[in-house]
Amino acid sequence: MKFEKTLTPEETDIIKLRDLLRKYNRQNFETLEHSKFAIYIRDEDENILGGISGEIFGNWVDIEYLVIHENLRGQGLGKALLEKVESMAIEHRCRYLFLNTFGFQGKDFYPKFGFKEVYVKQDYPLTGTDHFFVKELSY
């Protein structure tokens, strides 16, 4: 056995680590739905102008990305995407939405839609902040 340090890991090796951990985790979790999702906003040429993506995992929807092209911001598209994800979450009997955002991104946007800030990572990556939000769903 040996230790190997690298600052340029192979993606296939990272996937092996993830799979090793998930195999262990499955022994300690109930059977859970675990699936990716994405909702895209496309133009007439099928170019992606924005969207939202993430994973459904048990009671949680983890939102990984929500982005709207800069020229289209302020038109309610972000709100519409969040509403679509919330509807999807309810269809899948999820109880929570989770996301994080940098301080210069959407930290003032998400509370308008019922998200509560639960943690702020300071000095990230150097002088900024990373804000973590949860929304509890009721249905």
Protein backbone atom coordinates (compact mmCIF):
# COMPACT_ATOMS: atom_id res chain seq x y z
CA MET A 1 0.00 0.00 0.00
CA LYS A 2 1.24 3.52 -0.81
CA PHE A 3 0.03 7.11 -0.70
CA GLU A 4 0.01 9.08 -3.94
CA LYS A 5 -0.51 12.85 -3.96
CA THR A 6 -1.48 14.66 -7.16
CA LEU A 7 -2.69 18.11 -8.08
CA THR A 8 -3.87 16.80 -11.45
CA PRO A 9 -6.13 13.85 -10.61
CA GLU A 10 -7.71 11.83 -13.39
CA GLU A 11 -11.48 12.23 -13.56
CA THR A 12 -11.85 8.43 -13.67
CA ASP A 13 -9.98 8.15 -10.35
CA ILE A 14 -12.22 10.78 -8.75
CA ILE A 15 -15.25 8.78 -9.93
CA LYS A 16 -13.75 5.65 -8.34
CA LEU A 17 -13.44 7.50 -5.01
CA ARG A 18 -17.03 8.72 -5.29
CA ASP A 19 -18.29 5.24 -6.10
CA LEU A 20 -16.36 3.72 -3.19
CA LEU A 21 -17.97 6.19 -0.79
CA ARG A 22 -21.44 5.74 -2.30
CA LYS A 23 -21.16 1.96 -1.94
CA TYR A 24 -20.44 2.39 1.77
CA ASN A 25 -23.19 5.01 2.16
CA ARG A 26 -25.84 2.76 0.60
CA GLN A 27 -25.38 0.31 3.47
CA ASN A 28 -26.46 3.03 5.89
CA PHE A 29 -29.30 4.73 3.96
CA GLU A 30 -32.81 3.69 3.16
CA THR A 31 -33.48 3.07 -0.52
CA LEU A 32 -33.42 6.53 -2.02
CA GLU A 33 -34.16 8.13 -5.34
CA HIS A 34 -30.96 9.68 -6.66
CA SER A 35 -31.20 11.32 -10.04
CA LYS A 36 -29.97 14.35 -11.90
CA PHE A 37 -32.27 16.95 -13.46
CA ALA A 38 -31.96 19.98 -15.71
CA ILE A 39 -34.37 22.56 -17.09
CA TYR A 40 -33.00 24.61 -19.98
CA ILE A 41 -34.00 27.90 -21.56
CA ARG A 42 -33.19 27.68 -25.28
CA ASP A 43 -33.50 30.08 -28.17
CA GLU A 44 -34.93 29.22 -31.60
CA ASP A 45 -31.53 27.81 -32.64
CA GLU A 46 -31.43 25.51 -29.58
CA ASN A 47 -28.65 27.52 -27.91
CA ILE A 48 -28.81 27.37 -24.12
CA LEU A 49 -29.51 30.82 -22.69
CA GLY A 50 -29.89 29.68 -19.11
CA GLY A 51 -31.27 27.00 -16.91
CA ILE A 52 -31.14 25.16 -13.65
CA SER A 53 -29.70 21.75 -12.80
CA GLY A 54 -28.98 19.56 -9.83
CA GLU A 55 -29.85 16.29 -8.14
CA ILE A 56 -32.79 14.74 -6.35
CA PHE A 57 -31.64 12.75 -3.34
CA GLY A 58 -34.25 11.44 -0.95
CA ASN A 59 -36.03 14.38 0.69
CA TRP A 60 -33.68 16.90 -0.89
CA VAL A 61 -33.28 18.70 -4.19
CA ASP A 62 -29.73 20.00 -4.43
CA ILE A 63 -29.57 22.84 -6.93
CA GLU A 64 -26.09 22.90 -8.43
CA TYR A 65 -26.44 25.56 -11.12
CA LEU A 66 -28.93 28.33 -11.86
CA VAL A 67 -27.81 30.77 -14.52
CA ILE A 68 -29.48 33.21 -16.90
CA HIS A 69 -27.60 34.89 -19.75
CA GLU A 70 -26.70 38.42 -18.64
CA ASN A 71 -28.85 40.03 -21.38
CA LEU A 72 -31.96 38.21 -20.11
CA ARG A 73 -31.70 38.90 -16.39
CA GLY A 74 -34.46 40.83 -14.65
CA GLN A 75 -37.24 39.29 -16.76
CA GLY A 76 -38.48 36.75 -14.20
CA LEU A 77 -36.72 33.76 -15.76
CA GLY A 78 -34.85 32.86 -12.55
CA LYS A 79 -38.10 32.96 -10.60
CA ALA A 80 -39.77 30.77 -13.24
CA LEU A 81 -36.96 28.22 -13.05
CA LEU A 82 -37.17 28.07 -9.24
CA GLU A 83 -40.95 27.58 -9.48
CA LYS A 84 -40.49 24.71 -11.94
CA VAL A 85 -37.92 23.04 -9.68
CA GLU A 86 -40.17 23.47 -6.65
CA SER A 87 -43.06 21.83 -8.53
CA MET A 88 -40.76 18.98 -9.56
CA ALA A 89 -39.59 18.59 -5.96
CA ILE A 90 -43.17 18.34 -4.72
CA GLU A 91 -43.99 15.76 -7.43
CA HIS A 92 -41.07 13.68 -6.10
CA ARG A 93 -42.22 14.17 -2.48
CA CYS A 94 -39.07 16.12 -1.58
CA ARG A 95 -39.18 18.33 1.50
CA TYR A 96 -36.24 20.66 0.95
CA LEU A 97 -34.39 22.66 -1.69
CA PHE A 98 -30.70 23.39 -1.12
CA LEU A 99 -28.25 25.65 -2.95
CA ASN A 100 -25.20 27.79 -2.47
CA THR A 101 -24.14 31.01 -4.15
CA PHE A 102 -21.24 33.43 -4.01
CA GLY A 103 -21.77 36.77 -2.31
CA PHE A 104 -21.61 38.62 -5.64
CA GLN A 105 -24.20 36.32 -7.22
CA GLY A 106 -27.62 35.60 -5.74
CA LYS A 107 -27.39 36.03 -1.97
CA ASP A 108 -30.10 38.72 -2.10
CA PHE A 109 -32.14 36.91 -4.78
CA TYR A 110 -33.00 33.61 -3.10
CA PRO A 111 -34.55 34.96 0.13
CA LYS A 112 -37.24 36.62 -2.04
CA PHE A 113 -38.47 33.10 -2.82
CA GLY A 114 -38.51 31.65 0.68
CA PHE A 115 -34.92 30.43 0.97
CA LYS A 116 -33.30 30.82 4.40
CA GLU A 117 -29.58 31.37 4.70
CA VAL A 118 -28.13 28.63 6.92
CA TYR A 119 -24.38 29.20 6.64
CA VAL A 120 -21.82 31.62 5.21
CA LYS A 121 -18.33 30.45 4.34
CA GLN A 122 -16.07 33.46 4.89
CA ASP A 123 -12.88 34.36 2.99
CA TYR A 124 -13.86 32.14 0.07
CA PRO A 125 -11.97 31.57 -2.07
CA LEU A 126 -9.77 34.40 -0.76
CA THR A 127 -11.79 37.49 0.15
CA GLY A 128 -15.34 36.58 -0.89
CA THR A 129 -18.19 34.65 0.69
CA ASP A 130 -20.16 31.50 -0.19
CA HIS A 131 -23.76 31.52 1.06
CA PHE A 132 -25.77 28.33 1.72
CA PHE A 133 -29.57 28.37 1.54
CA VAL A 134 -32.39 25.93 2.32
CA LYS A 135 -36.07 26.17 1.51
CA GLU A 136 -38.50 23.91 3.34
CA LEU A 137 -41.41 22.90 1.15
CA SER A 138 -44.97 22.55 2.37
CA TYR A 139 -47.64 20.60 0.56
